Protein backbone atom coordinates (compact mmCIF):
# COMPACT_ATOMS: atom_id res chain seq x y z
CA MET A 1 58.35 152.99 -30.67
CA PRO A 2 54.99 151.24 -30.16
CA PHE A 3 53.88 155.30 -28.86
CA LYS A 4 53.47 158.47 -30.35
CA ARG A 5 52.51 161.16 -28.26
CA PRO A 6 51.64 164.16 -30.42
CA ALA A 7 53.27 167.20 -29.09
CA PRO A 8 51.85 169.48 -26.39
CA LEU A 9 49.34 171.67 -26.84
CA PRO A 10 50.48 175.71 -27.37
CA SER A 11 49.23 176.95 -24.57
CA GLN A 12 51.07 174.22 -22.83
CA SER A 13 54.37 174.84 -24.01
CA GLU A 14 54.05 178.31 -23.69
CA SER A 15 53.24 178.08 -19.55
CA GLN A 16 56.19 175.54 -19.72
CA SER A 17 58.50 177.50 -21.62
CA SER A 18 57.38 180.64 -18.74
CA SER A 19 58.34 178.88 -15.71
CA SER A 20 61.39 177.03 -17.07
CA ALA A 21 62.52 180.95 -17.27
CA ASN A 22 61.75 181.67 -14.31
CA LEU A 23 63.45 178.80 -12.91
CA LEU A 24 66.60 179.53 -15.14
CA SER A 25 66.66 182.75 -13.57
CA GLY A 26 67.04 182.83 -10.02
CA SER A 27 63.70 184.26 -9.00
CA SER A 28 62.34 182.84 -6.05
CA LYS A 29 59.41 184.25 -6.35
CA ARG A 30 57.68 181.34 -8.57
CA PRO A 31 54.18 181.24 -9.95
CA ARG A 32 51.64 178.20 -8.35
CA LEU A 33 49.90 177.54 -11.20
CA SER A 34 46.74 176.43 -10.51
CA PRO A 35 46.22 172.65 -11.55
CA PRO A 36 43.52 171.63 -13.45
CA PRO A 37 40.86 169.41 -11.94
CA GLY A 38 40.94 165.70 -11.23
CA LYS A 39 45.16 165.81 -12.38
CA ALA A 40 46.68 163.47 -9.12
CA LEU A 41 50.64 164.93 -10.41
CA PRO A 42 49.52 168.68 -10.98
CA ASN A 43 53.28 169.76 -11.48
CA VAL A 44 55.09 166.64 -13.05
CA LYS A 45 56.78 166.11 -15.83
CA LEU A 46 56.97 162.25 -16.48
CA PHE A 47 59.35 160.20 -18.82
CA ILE A 48 58.88 156.56 -19.44
CA VAL A 49 61.57 154.00 -20.49
CA GLN A 50 59.90 151.52 -22.60
CA ALA A 51 62.11 148.88 -22.03
CA LYS A 52 61.16 145.26 -20.42
CA LEU A 53 57.40 146.64 -20.38
CA ASN A 54 55.05 144.59 -22.33
CA THR A 55 52.52 146.28 -24.83
CA SER A 56 49.56 146.63 -22.16
CA ALA A 57 52.07 148.12 -19.54
CA ILE A 58 52.94 150.37 -21.84
CA SER A 59 49.30 151.74 -22.42
CA GLU A 60 48.56 151.61 -18.97
CA LEU A 61 51.29 153.80 -17.99
CA PHE A 62 51.51 156.30 -21.39
CA GLY A 63 47.69 156.65 -19.91
CA LEU A 64 47.99 157.76 -16.46
CA ALA A 65 51.12 160.12 -17.11
CA GLU A 66 48.69 162.10 -19.81
CA GLN A 67 46.00 161.84 -17.70
CA HIS A 68 47.24 162.80 -14.30
CA ALA A 69 50.96 164.11 -15.11
CA LYS A 70 51.41 168.30 -16.23
CA ARG A 71 53.08 166.42 -19.49
CA LEU A 72 55.01 163.31 -20.78
CA CYS A 73 57.74 163.89 -22.19
CA ASN A 74 59.73 162.82 -25.37
CA LYS A 75 63.24 162.95 -24.43
CA PRO A 76 64.48 162.14 -20.71
CA GLU A 77 66.35 165.23 -20.19
CA ASP A 78 62.81 167.42 -20.10
CA ALA A 79 61.60 165.19 -17.23
CA ASP A 80 61.58 165.38 -13.71
CA VAL A 81 60.68 161.70 -12.90
CA ILE A 82 61.73 158.96 -15.18
CA VAL A 83 59.33 155.49 -14.89
CA THR A 84 61.26 152.68 -15.51
CA ALA A 85 61.17 148.89 -14.53
CA ILE A 86 64.70 148.48 -15.04
CA GLY A 87 66.55 147.09 -12.51
CA MET A 88 70.52 147.44 -13.58
CA ARG A 89 72.20 150.35 -14.20
CA ARG A 90 73.96 148.96 -17.00
CA ARG A 91 71.06 148.05 -18.72
CA LEU A 92 69.52 151.91 -17.76
CA GLU A 93 73.02 153.38 -19.79
CA ARG A 94 71.76 151.65 -22.82
CA HIS A 95 68.76 154.33 -22.30
CA ILE A 96 69.53 156.84 -20.41
CA PRO A 97 73.01 158.61 -20.01
CA TRP A 98 73.90 157.18 -16.72
CA GLU A 99 74.52 161.88 -15.93
CA LEU A 100 71.45 162.39 -16.09
CA ALA A 101 69.73 160.16 -14.93
CA LYS A 102 71.80 160.84 -11.15
CA HIS A 103 69.93 163.77 -11.09
CA LYS A 104 66.40 162.47 -11.51
CA ALA A 105 63.96 160.75 -10.25
CA VAL A 106 64.24 157.33 -11.93
CA VAL A 107 61.65 154.78 -9.95
CA THR A 108 59.73 151.96 -10.35
CA PRO A 109 55.85 151.99 -12.46
CA GLN A 110 54.27 151.37 -9.52
CA TRP A 111 54.96 154.67 -8.44
CA LEU A 112 52.75 156.03 -11.24
CA ARG A 113 50.08 153.67 -10.43
CA ASP A 114 49.93 154.26 -6.69
CA SER A 115 50.32 158.20 -6.48
CA VAL A 116 47.31 158.09 -8.96
CA LYS A 117 45.85 156.20 -6.72
CA ASN A 118 46.81 158.48 -3.53
CA GLY A 119 45.77 161.41 -5.31
CA SER A 120 48.87 163.26 -5.09
CA SER A 121 53.29 162.62 -5.52
CA LEU A 122 54.18 159.35 -2.81
CA PRO A 123 57.78 159.81 -1.40
CA TYR A 124 60.28 158.60 -4.18
CA ASP A 125 62.17 156.04 -1.63
CA ASN A 126 59.56 153.04 -1.91
CA TYR A 127 60.08 152.83 -5.14
CA ILE A 128 63.55 153.40 -6.03
CA ALA A 129 64.44 151.93 -9.64
CA ILE A 130 68.14 151.21 -9.61
CA GLN A 131 69.70 151.26 -6.29
CA ASP A 132 72.98 153.09 -6.85
CA LEU A 133 70.44 155.90 -7.13
CA GLN A 134 69.01 155.75 -4.01
CA ASP A 135 70.96 158.82 -1.93
CA THR A 136 70.38 161.76 -5.16
CA ILE A 137 66.42 160.16 -5.75
CA VAL A 138 65.53 160.47 -2.07
CA GLN A 139 66.92 163.85 -2.17
CA ASN A 140 64.76 164.87 -5.21
CA CYS A 141 61.51 165.26 -2.55
CA PRO A 142 58.27 165.89 -4.77
CA GLU A 143 57.55 168.96 -2.52
CA CYS A 144 61.30 170.80 -3.95
CA ASN A 145 62.13 169.63 -7.15
CA CYS A 146 58.90 167.83 -9.19
CA LYS A 147 56.37 171.03 -8.38
CA PRO A 148 57.49 174.55 -8.27
CA CYS A 149 57.81 176.18 -4.59
CA ALA A 150 60.19 178.63 -2.81
CA CYS A 151 61.94 176.61 0.21
CA SER A 152 65.51 176.91 -1.02
CA PRO A 153 65.63 179.35 -4.43
CA SER A 154 69.40 179.07 -4.00
CA SER A 155 69.77 176.18 -4.23
CA THR A 156 66.97 174.92 -6.88
CA SER A 157 68.46 177.51 -8.59
CA SER A 158 71.79 175.63 -8.31
CA TYR A 159 70.06 172.46 -9.21
CA ALA A 160 68.21 173.95 -11.87
CA SER A 161 71.87 175.15 -13.82
CA SER A 162 73.46 172.15 -12.83
CA SER A 163 70.11 169.70 -14.65
CA LEU A 164 70.70 172.15 -17.55
CA ARG A 165 74.06 171.46 -17.80
CA HIS A 166 73.90 167.92 -17.25
CA SER A 167 71.63 167.45 -20.15
CA GLN A 168 73.25 169.03 -22.64
CA GLU A 169 76.47 167.02 -21.65
CA SER A 170 74.25 164.08 -22.21
CA LEU A 171 72.52 165.02 -25.40
CA ALA A 172 76.86 165.71 -26.79
CA SER A 173 76.76 162.43 -25.64
CA ALA A 174 74.61 160.46 -27.11
CA THR A 175 74.17 158.54 -29.63
CA SER A 176 72.00 159.70 -33.65
CA ALA A 177 69.54 157.38 -32.77
CA THR A 178 68.00 159.75 -30.19
CA SER A 179 69.95 162.80 -30.24
CA PRO A 180 72.26 164.14 -32.59
CA PRO A 181 76.10 165.88 -30.82
CA THR A 182 76.47 168.96 -31.23
CA ALA A 183 80.01 168.24 -33.23
CA ILE A 184 78.29 166.59 -36.17
CA PRO A 185 77.68 169.03 -39.30
CA ALA A 186 74.64 169.80 -40.00
CA TYR A 187 75.11 168.31 -43.84
CA LEU A 188 75.83 165.10 -42.32
CA LEU A 189 71.80 165.06 -40.42
CA PRO A 190 68.49 165.10 -42.20
CA PRO A 191 66.73 167.79 -42.80
CA SER A 192 64.20 169.15 -40.78
CA PRO A 193 61.47 169.96 -41.60
CA PRO A 194 61.76 167.08 -43.94
CA LEU A 195 62.36 168.17 -48.02
CA GLU A 196 58.41 168.14 -49.82
CA THR A 197 58.41 166.21 -53.32
CA ASP A 198 56.36 168.32 -56.09
CA ILE A 199 54.15 165.89 -57.73
CA THR A 200 53.39 168.60 -60.43
CA LYS A 201 56.95 168.41 -61.70
CA LEU A 202 57.24 164.86 -62.00
CA ASP A 203 56.35 163.20 -65.08
CA TYR A 204 54.95 159.52 -65.51
CA THR A 205 55.64 159.11 -68.98
CA SER A 206 59.40 159.69 -69.08
CA ARG A 207 61.59 156.92 -69.10
CA TYR A 208 63.75 156.94 -66.43
CA ALA A 209 62.31 155.88 -63.34
CA CYS A 210 64.13 158.62 -61.23
CA GLN A 211 61.96 161.27 -63.07
CA ARG A 212 58.71 159.46 -61.41
CA ALA A 213 56.89 159.17 -58.48
CA SER A 214 56.51 155.63 -57.57
CA PRO A 215 54.54 155.63 -53.93
CA LEU A 216 54.23 151.71 -52.34
CA VAL A 217 51.25 150.99 -53.64
CA CYS A 218 49.58 152.39 -56.53
CA PRO A 219 46.03 152.05 -58.21
CA ASN A 220 46.98 148.88 -60.70
CA GLN A 221 48.73 147.21 -57.82
CA ALA A 222 46.89 143.97 -59.04
CA LEU A 223 48.08 144.28 -62.67
CA VAL A 224 51.85 144.91 -61.21
CA HIS A 225 51.89 141.82 -59.14
CA GLU A 226 50.35 139.77 -62.29
CA LEU A 227 53.20 141.01 -64.57
CA ASP A 228 56.15 140.63 -61.46
CA ILE A 229 54.79 137.07 -61.28
CA ILE A 230 56.40 136.65 -64.69
CA ARG A 231 58.97 138.85 -64.78
CA GLN A 232 59.84 136.39 -61.51
CA SER A 233 59.90 133.06 -63.60
CA ARG A 234 62.22 135.25 -66.28
CA ALA A 235 64.34 135.60 -63.70
CA LEU A 236 64.31 132.76 -62.46
CA GLU A 237 65.21 130.91 -65.58
CA GLY A 238 67.95 132.78 -66.07
CA GLU A 239 66.24 135.18 -69.07
CA VAL A 240 68.12 138.62 -68.17
CA ARG A 241 66.69 140.59 -70.89
CA SER A 242 63.58 139.67 -70.39
CA ALA A 243 62.92 139.92 -67.29
CA LEU A 244 64.82 143.62 -67.38
CA SER A 245 61.74 144.24 -69.85
CA TYR A 246 58.90 143.83 -67.88
CA ALA A 247 60.68 144.99 -64.42
CA ARG A 248 60.90 148.21 -66.36
CA ALA A 249 56.75 147.45 -67.85
CA VAL A 250 56.35 147.08 -63.75
CA SER A 251 57.94 150.24 -63.29
CA ALA A 252 56.43 152.29 -65.60
CA LEU A 253 52.82 151.04 -63.73
CA LYS A 254 53.84 151.84 -61.02
CA ALA A 255 54.17 155.77 -61.62
CA TYR A 256 50.79 155.77 -63.19
CA PRO A 257 48.18 157.71 -60.70
CA HIS A 258 44.81 156.40 -61.94
CA LYS A 259 43.08 153.57 -62.71
CA ILE A 260 43.87 151.65 -65.73
CA THR A 261 40.15 150.46 -66.94
CA SER A 262 41.36 151.63 -71.16
CA MET A 263 44.07 150.67 -73.44
CA LYS A 264 44.04 154.24 -74.30
CA GLN A 265 45.44 155.03 -70.90
CA VAL A 266 49.07 153.11 -71.31
CA GLU A 267 49.50 154.19 -75.03
CA LYS A 268 52.07 157.24 -73.31
CA LEU A 269 53.72 154.97 -71.27
CA PRO A 270 57.36 153.73 -71.75
CA TYR A 271 58.36 150.26 -71.97
CA ILE A 272 54.89 149.12 -72.93
CA GLY A 273 55.49 147.48 -75.83
CA THR A 274 53.27 145.13 -78.15
CA LYS A 275 53.33 141.50 -75.69
CA ILE A 276 52.69 143.58 -72.51
CA THR A 277 50.08 145.29 -73.95
CA GLY A 278 48.14 142.00 -74.57
CA LEU A 279 49.05 141.51 -71.72
CA VAL A 280 47.34 144.72 -69.94
CA GLU A 281 44.34 144.13 -72.31
CA GLU A 282 43.90 140.70 -70.78
CA PHE A 283 43.48 141.91 -67.50
CA ILE A 284 41.47 144.81 -68.28
CA ASP A 285 38.90 142.37 -69.56
CA GLY A 286 39.38 139.51 -67.15
CA GLY A 287 41.28 140.75 -63.86
CA HIS A 288 44.01 138.15 -64.60
CA ILE A 289 46.28 136.85 -67.04
CA ASN A 290 46.49 133.33 -68.15
CA GLU A 291 50.23 133.09 -68.33
CA ALA A 292 50.78 134.09 -64.91
CA GLU A 293 48.22 131.46 -63.00
CA THR A 294 50.06 129.03 -65.25
CA ILE A 295 53.15 129.92 -63.75
CA ARG A 296 51.93 129.93 -60.17
CA SER A 297 50.63 126.92 -60.63
CA SER A 298 53.81 125.02 -61.98
CA VAL A 299 55.71 122.89 -60.19
CA ARG A 300 59.29 124.23 -61.58
CA PHE A 301 58.45 127.99 -60.46
CA GLN A 302 57.03 126.97 -57.55
CA ALA A 303 60.55 124.70 -56.60
CA LEU A 304 62.71 127.53 -58.08
CA SER A 305 61.21 130.49 -55.89
CA LEU A 306 61.47 128.32 -52.57
CA PHE A 307 64.89 127.15 -53.04
CA SER A 308 66.13 130.93 -53.80
CA SER A 309 63.52 132.13 -50.58
CA ILE A 310 67.05 130.95 -49.18
CA TYR A 311 69.77 133.57 -49.07
CA GLY A 312 72.80 132.46 -50.78
CA ILE A 313 71.04 130.61 -53.57
CA GLY A 314 70.29 132.33 -56.97
CA PRO A 315 68.61 131.36 -60.01
CA THR A 316 71.92 129.35 -61.59
CA THR A 317 71.70 127.08 -57.99
CA ALA A 318 67.91 126.82 -57.71
CA GLN A 319 68.37 125.34 -61.52
CA ARG A 320 70.57 123.20 -61.02
CA LEU A 321 69.12 121.67 -57.64
CA TYR A 322 65.77 121.38 -59.26
CA ASP A 323 67.85 119.03 -61.94
CA LEU A 324 68.85 117.20 -59.36
CA GLY A 325 65.43 116.12 -58.82
CA LEU A 326 64.82 118.29 -55.95
CA ARG A 327 61.36 119.94 -55.17
CA SER A 328 61.14 120.50 -51.42
CA LEU A 329 62.90 122.79 -48.50
CA ASP A 330 62.52 118.79 -46.84
CA GLU A 331 65.03 117.13 -49.59
CA LEU A 332 67.62 120.37 -49.94
CA GLU A 333 67.79 120.07 -45.92
CA VAL A 334 68.60 116.40 -47.20
CA TYR A 335 70.66 117.19 -49.92
CA TYR A 336 73.11 119.39 -47.76
CA GLY A 337 73.06 117.28 -44.70
CA VAL A 338 71.64 120.05 -42.25
CA ASP A 339 69.03 118.96 -39.59
CA SER A 340 67.32 122.36 -39.31
CA LYS A 341 66.68 121.23 -35.64
CA THR A 342 70.34 121.26 -34.66
CA GLN A 343 71.61 124.19 -36.79
CA THR A 344 71.39 127.08 -35.44
CA SER A 345 73.73 126.03 -32.56
CA ILE A 346 76.17 123.89 -33.73
CA ASP A 347 76.70 126.85 -36.20
CA SER A 348 76.96 129.67 -34.16
CA GLY A 349 79.94 132.15 -33.76
CA ILE A 350 81.19 134.20 -36.19
CA VAL A 351 81.21 132.58 -39.49
CA GLU A 352 83.36 134.03 -42.71
CA VAL A 353 82.24 132.53 -45.14
CA GLU A 354 83.47 134.05 -48.82
CA LYS A 355 85.50 136.40 -49.58
CA GLU A 356 84.63 139.64 -51.97
CA SER A 357 86.05 138.41 -55.06
CA LYS A 358 84.21 135.39 -54.92
CA ARG A 359 81.45 137.38 -54.54
CA ARG A 360 81.76 139.82 -57.44
CA HIS A 361 82.34 137.69 -59.62
CA ALA A 362 78.97 135.44 -59.02
CA LYS A 363 76.91 138.11 -59.12
CA ASP A 364 78.00 138.89 -62.64
CA GLU A 365 76.82 135.74 -63.24
CA GLY A 366 73.75 136.60 -61.56
CA ASP A 367 73.77 134.10 -58.67
CA GLU A 368 74.49 134.88 -54.41
CA GLY A 369 77.89 133.01 -54.55
CA LEU A 370 77.88 132.60 -50.77
CA GLY A 371 78.85 128.17 -51.48
CA ASP A 372 77.82 125.72 -49.73
CA THR A 373 79.01 126.96 -46.56
CA TRP A 374 76.55 129.75 -46.19
CA ILE A 375 74.14 127.59 -47.91
CA LYS A 376 73.87 124.78 -45.21
CA ILE A 377 73.83 127.95 -42.33
CA ALA A 378 71.19 129.85 -44.04
CA LEU A 379 68.71 126.87 -44.68
CA GLY A 380 69.56 125.80 -40.47
CA LEU A 381 68.22 129.64 -39.98
CA ARG A 382 65.38 129.38 -42.68
CA GLU A 383 62.29 129.82 -40.63
CA ASP A 384 63.72 132.96 -38.98
CA LEU A 385 65.25 134.56 -41.64
CA ALA A 386 61.80 133.91 -43.11
CA ILE A 387 60.10 136.01 -40.64
CA LYS A 388 59.30 139.50 -41.95
CA ILE A 389 60.78 142.21 -39.73
CA PRO A 390 57.80 145.12 -38.39
CA ARG A 391 58.99 148.49 -38.92
CA ASP A 392 59.50 148.93 -34.75
CA GLU A 393 61.95 146.25 -34.00
CA VAL A 394 63.56 147.72 -37.56
CA GLU A 395 64.07 150.83 -35.13
CA GLU A 396 64.86 149.05 -32.59
CA MET A 397 68.46 147.55 -34.22
CA GLY A 398 68.80 150.40 -35.18
CA ARG A 399 69.07 151.67 -31.47
CA VAL A 400 70.75 149.03 -30.93
CA VAL A 401 73.86 148.65 -32.73
CA MET A 402 74.73 153.17 -32.41
CA ARG A 403 74.56 152.09 -28.45
CA GLU A 404 77.51 149.57 -28.48
CA LEU A 405 78.82 151.61 -32.19
CA ASP A 406 79.46 154.65 -29.66
CA GLN A 407 81.08 152.77 -27.39
CA LEU A 408 83.37 152.60 -29.80
CA GLU A 409 83.09 155.24 -31.55
CA HIS A 410 81.20 158.37 -30.28
CA GLY A 411 79.93 160.83 -32.86
CA CYS A 412 78.62 158.56 -35.60
CA VAL A 413 75.30 158.83 -37.39
CA SER A 414 73.34 156.54 -38.95
CA THR A 415 70.37 156.18 -41.56
CA ILE A 416 68.59 152.88 -41.63
CA VAL A 417 67.99 153.07 -45.60
CA GLY A 418 66.50 150.02 -48.01
CA GLY A 419 62.80 149.02 -48.13
CA TYR A 420 62.29 150.34 -44.91
CA ARG A 421 63.12 153.72 -46.05
CA ARG A 422 60.67 153.23 -48.62
CA GLY A 423 58.35 153.05 -46.41
CA LYS A 424 57.36 149.26 -46.47
CA PRO A 425 55.42 148.14 -43.28
CA GLU A 426 57.73 144.81 -43.13
CA SER A 427 61.25 144.46 -44.04
CA SER A 428 63.31 141.16 -44.80
CA ASP A 429 66.17 142.75 -43.47
CA VAL A 430 67.71 145.59 -42.51
CA ASP A 431 70.53 147.62 -44.24
CA MET A 432 72.38 151.10 -41.94
CA VAL A 433 75.03 153.43 -43.72
CA PHE A 434 77.01 154.68 -40.85
CA THR A 435 79.39 157.80 -40.90
CA HIS A 436 81.32 159.69 -38.84
CA PRO A 437 82.65 163.21 -39.09
CA ASP A 438 86.24 162.64 -38.48
CA ALA A 439 86.82 159.74 -41.72
CA SER A 440 90.11 158.59 -40.06
CA LYS A 441 87.30 157.31 -37.32
CA ILE A 442 85.61 155.43 -39.94
CA LYS A 443 88.61 153.26 -41.39
CA GLY A 444 88.05 150.04 -39.66
CA LEU A 445 84.77 150.54 -37.83
CA CYS A 446 83.26 148.12 -39.64
CA LYS A 447 84.97 145.09 -38.27
CA ARG A 448 85.76 146.41 -34.64
CA VAL A 449 81.76 147.07 -34.55
CA VAL A 450 81.03 143.31 -35.83
CA GLN A 451 83.88 141.87 -33.12
CA ARG A 452 81.82 143.99 -30.04
CA LEU A 453 78.26 142.88 -31.36
CA HIS A 454 79.37 139.08 -31.89
CA GLU A 455 81.13 139.34 -28.41
CA GLY A 456 77.86 140.72 -26.21
CA GLY A 457 75.90 138.08 -28.08
CA MET A 458 73.90 139.80 -30.98
CA VAL A 459 75.47 139.22 -34.12
CA SER A 460 76.22 134.84 -35.41
CA HIS A 461 76.95 134.89 -38.42
CA VAL A 462 79.50 137.39 -41.12
CA MET A 463 78.60 135.90 -44.79
CA HIS A 464 80.67 138.91 -45.52
CA LEU A 465 83.34 141.61 -44.27
CA SER A 466 85.22 143.52 -46.09
CA GLY A 467 87.07 147.16 -46.16
CA PHE A 468 87.32 150.10 -48.07
CA HIS A 469 89.58 150.38 -51.37
CA ALA A 470 89.71 153.47 -53.67
CA HIS A 471 86.83 154.20 -55.53
CA ASN A 472 87.48 152.76 -59.44
CA PRO A 473 85.16 154.62 -62.27
CA LEU A 474 86.05 152.04 -64.27
CA ARG A 475 84.44 149.62 -62.88
CA THR A 476 82.04 147.81 -64.02
CA THR A 477 79.89 145.81 -60.90
CA HIS A 478 77.64 147.95 -59.03
CA TRP A 479 78.70 146.19 -55.53
CA ASP A 480 80.65 149.46 -54.41
CA SER A 481 83.93 150.40 -52.48
CA LEU A 482 82.41 150.77 -48.92
CA GLU A 483 83.15 149.15 -45.82
CA LYS A 484 80.45 146.47 -45.00
CA SER A 485 79.35 143.51 -43.19
CA LEU A 486 76.07 141.25 -44.21
CA THR A 487 75.81 140.00 -40.95
CA VAL A 488 73.11 137.28 -38.96
CA PHE A 489 71.50 139.55 -35.77
CA ILE A 490 69.82 138.92 -32.83
CA LEU A 491 68.63 141.49 -30.36
CA PRO A 492 69.30 141.29 -26.81
CA PRO A 493 67.23 139.86 -24.39
CA SER A 494 67.14 143.42 -22.66
CA SER A 495 65.35 144.68 -25.67
CA THR A 496 61.34 145.02 -25.18
CA PHE A 497 61.52 143.58 -29.32
CA TYR A 498 63.71 140.30 -28.00
CA ARG A 499 62.22 137.31 -29.07
CA GLY A 500 64.80 135.37 -30.11
CA THR A 501 65.10 135.64 -33.49
CA ARG A 502 67.48 136.07 -36.22
CA ARG A 503 67.44 138.94 -38.53
CA ARG A 504 69.42 140.08 -41.37
CA LEU A 505 71.32 143.45 -40.86
CA ASP A 506 73.92 144.51 -43.33
CA LEU A 507 75.67 147.78 -42.08
CA ILE A 508 77.69 150.05 -44.72
CA PHE A 509 79.58 152.62 -43.01
CA SER A 510 81.02 155.62 -45.51
CA PRO A 511 83.26 158.43 -45.39
CA PRO A 512 81.53 161.71 -44.59
CA GLU A 513 81.76 163.34 -48.35
CA LEU A 514 80.49 159.75 -49.19
CA TYR A 515 77.47 159.32 -47.13
CA TRP A 516 74.74 160.94 -48.76
CA THR A 517 75.55 159.56 -51.60
CA ALA A 518 75.78 155.80 -50.44
CA VAL A 519 72.49 156.96 -48.61
CA VAL A 520 70.58 157.60 -52.04
CA GLY A 521 72.13 154.08 -53.35
CA TRP A 522 71.49 151.75 -51.00
CA SER A 523 67.87 153.43 -50.21
CA GLY A 524 66.70 151.49 -53.84
CA SER A 525 64.29 150.93 -54.71
CA ILE A 526 65.96 148.54 -57.69
CA MET A 527 65.04 149.62 -61.07
CA PHE A 528 65.33 153.56 -59.42
CA GLN A 529 68.70 152.94 -58.70
CA ARG A 530 69.24 151.61 -62.07
CA ASP A 531 67.54 154.46 -63.93
CA LEU A 532 69.70 156.79 -61.96
CA ARG A 533 72.77 155.66 -62.82
CA GLN A 534 71.48 155.10 -66.58
CA TRP A 535 70.38 159.20 -66.34
CA ALA A 536 73.48 160.12 -64.63
CA LYS A 537 75.28 157.89 -67.98
CA ASP A 538 73.17 159.81 -70.29
CA LYS A 539 72.41 163.00 -69.95
CA HIS A 540 75.48 164.03 -67.68
CA GLY A 541 78.19 161.47 -68.25
CA MET A 542 78.16 160.49 -65.25
CA LYS A 543 78.50 157.29 -63.25
CA PHE A 544 77.01 157.20 -59.94
CA ASP A 545 76.75 154.44 -57.43
CA SER A 546 76.96 154.52 -53.78
CA SER A 547 80.19 155.02 -53.07
CA GLY A 548 81.06 157.26 -55.51
CA ILE A 549 79.77 159.81 -58.56
CA THR A 550 82.96 160.42 -61.03
CA ARG A 551 82.33 162.07 -64.42
CA ARG A 552 83.74 159.82 -67.36
CA TYR A 553 85.81 161.53 -69.87
CA ASP A 554 88.03 162.99 -66.34
CA SER A 555 87.25 161.08 -63.80
CA LYS A 556 87.07 164.07 -61.34
CA VAL A 557 84.87 162.98 -58.41
CA PHE A 558 81.99 164.54 -57.01
CA PHE A 559 80.59 164.91 -53.39
CA PRO A 560 77.13 166.04 -52.68
CA LYS A 561 76.90 167.71 -48.49
CA THR A 562 73.51 166.44 -49.02
CA GLU A 563 70.53 164.00 -50.60
CA LYS A 564 68.89 166.40 -52.05
CA GLU A 565 72.49 167.60 -53.38
CA VAL A 566 72.62 164.42 -55.42
CA PHE A 567 69.27 164.99 -57.63
CA ASP A 568 70.95 168.13 -57.98
CA LEU A 569 74.00 167.51 -59.88
CA PHE A 570 71.81 165.22 -61.69
CA GLU A 571 69.29 167.86 -62.58
CA LEU A 572 66.27 165.71 -61.46
CA GLU A 573 63.44 167.02 -59.57
CA TRP A 574 64.29 165.59 -55.37
CA ILE A 575 61.78 163.03 -55.07
CA ASP A 576 61.21 161.76 -51.28
CA PRO A 577 62.23 157.55 -50.17
CA THR A 578 58.32 156.79 -50.81
CA LEU A 579 58.49 157.79 -54.18
CA ARG A 580 60.82 155.88 -55.35
CA ASN A 581 58.98 152.12 -55.00
CA ALA A 582 59.82 151.21 -59.22
CA ASP A 583 59.28 147.77 -57.82
CA ALA A 584 56.69 145.58 -57.44
C-alpha cells in the first residue's frame, strides 16, 4: 500500500476497547468521552479506500483523518465511515464486501473535506458514494451511529450486534490477500509474528548457501558486481561449468559480513580458487577488474546480453542470432518480422506458445525453448516487459488476482514469492504460489483462473499452461510437477496502479500438503535453492524441489506443515527469505 500508518497508541486502543465493550453489552449508559481540542470528527472512525485516488489525494485524506478523526482504521469492518471515490457497486465490492458496506456510511472524499471545514460531522445524504446504498446510509446519521448516544439503546445494541455479525461474515468470505477466512488451517498461514533468524548460528565459511546469511546488498557489492559480469559472459557463451564457478564465488562473497580490504580475509571463504583470488586482489588494489571492464565494452557481450533480455531467448539462440550478423533489437525485429508499434494489438488474446515437453527439453540445453512464436510476441512487448515492477504494484497484482480467484473458489491462500519475497525493491516479474485447504479444489483451478483473468482483460498471453502430474523422484530436471501458468498480465483500469503496462506474472498452484515446499522452492535465490538441493542429497539422502521432498533409497515423500519445517527436516537453521539472496 502507498501509505502505511502506525498502530494506535495504547491509550487509544484501551479507550476504544472499553467503548466497544459497553456498546456490545447493550448498556444505555455509555461514556461520552471528551474529544481532544481541535478535532472535527472526535468520535468517528474512518477507513479510506485508496482505489481511484491519486497520490496527492491519498496523502491529503490520510492527513485529515489522522488529525481530525477518532481513528484511521486499517480494516473497513472497524470503521464507522468508509470514504471512497468509487461510484459503482461492482467496483466497490472488489475492496469492501457488500454486506459490510450496507451497514456502514459509505461517502465520498468531499464529505471528509467539508466536515473538517465545518468543524463537525455533516449529514451523509449529500455525499453518498454508491446510490444503491442511499437508504441505508441516510439511516446512519452522525448523531446516532458515529458517536455514542443514548437516544435508542435497544436499537443501538441491535445494530452493534448486527454490525459485528456482518463483519465476521465478511471476514470469513474475504480472500487471504486481505484477511484469511477462519476455515483456513493455521499451518497454511505465515507465522505471526515472523520468525527471527539467529545470525550467530549461521556460518559464512560453509560451502552451502543454505547455511549462510546472504543479504540483498552486502558490504562487498561492488566486487560482487564485477565478478558477476564475468559470470554472465561465461553463461552467455555456454560455458556452464565456468559460470557456475563464478556463481559459487559470488555467493560466498555475498555472505561475508565485512568489507574486504586484504587477501587474508578471503582465505577461509569457500570457492575462492587461484583465478578468482587474483581477481579479488586486483579489485582490492584498483577498485575494478580489467577482465570485467573488457567484457563490458565488448560488442559481442553487449549483443548477447541484449538478445537474452528478450523473454524466450537463451544463450544458444542468442549466439545463433549473433552469428547471423544481428547486433541490435531493431535488427532482431526485422529478422523476426515484428512491428513493435502494432504487435501488441495484433497478438492480443490468449496464446499458448509451447507444450511442457518442449520447454523441459530446451531448459536442459540451457535455453528458454519457447520458440519463434513467443519470441515474436516478446519482442512486441519488450518495452513493457523491460520496466521493473515496484513493490506496491506487485502487491496490487496479488490483491487483484486473489479477488478474481476468490470468485471462482473461496478460501484459497497465496504467497508472493521470488525476488519480492527476498526484499527486492523492484521485480522483473511476479511469482505467486496458491493452494486451498481442500486438495480436490486445487486441481484444474489454474486454467480456470487464467481464463477468468483473460475474460476480464487482465491476461493477454500464456506462454505455458500445465496441469498436475505425479511427483517423480527419479526426475533429473528441476521443472517441477505443479500446476502452473506463465502469463502476460495487465492491471484493470479500476486499479490505482493502472498504467496500461504489461507485466510477467507466473501462477503456481500446489496441493495443500506441498504448499510450503513450493513456497521455499519458488522463493529463491538460484544459488540458495541449488545448495539446498545439494545439502538434501549430500547430508540426508533426499531429493528436494518445489513439488516435493523424497527420500532417495525408498522414495518416501515428506510433507512439511510449515516453511520452517522444511529447514527442520534438513537440520538447517531458519533463514528469513530476505537473507537468501545468494546471487549477485
